[in-house]
Amino acid sequence: QAQLVESGGGLVQAGASVRLSCAASGDTFSNYIMGWFRQAPGKEREFVATISTRGGSTFYADSVKGRFTISRDNAKNTLYLQMNSLKPEDTAVYYCVAKTPSVGWPATSRTAYDYWGQGTQVTVSS
C-alpha cells in the first residue's frame, strides 16, 4: 500500500513557476502509474497529468499542456510536477495519486486511482 505526501505548494504571482513534489513510501514506487489531480474552490476535482511506471509515457489535461511537466525519479521514490507560466485559474489544491497498471491508458478518471495524498495548496495571484 502506497503512502503519498505532497510538498512545494505556496502563493505565487501569475507567470511564475512552481515545482511540486510527491514522496512515496510503503510499496515499490516503480510499480505504480502516478498522476496529479487538482481541485479549485467550488469545483470538481479534475485530472492534471499522469505518467507511466518508468516515465516513458505522459499525458496532460488540455488546460495545462505545454505549461506543466510531470516526471518521476524511481530511485528517489518521488513524483514531480513542474508548473510554468502559472495562471490564476491554476489556483487549487493539488493531489498526488497512484494506481496499479491496468488496461486503458491514460487513466484520467479520479475513480481509477487507488491512492491519494493529502494535497498541497497552490495559489496564483493576478
Foldseek 3Di string as FASTA:
>chain_A
DKAKAKDWADEEAAQAKTKMKIAIDDDQLLQKWKAKWWDDPPDDIWGAKIAHSVRPDMDGDPVQPPFWDWGDDSVRRMIMIIGGRDDQVVWTWMKMFIAGDDPDPPDTDPVRTDDIYPTDTHGYHD
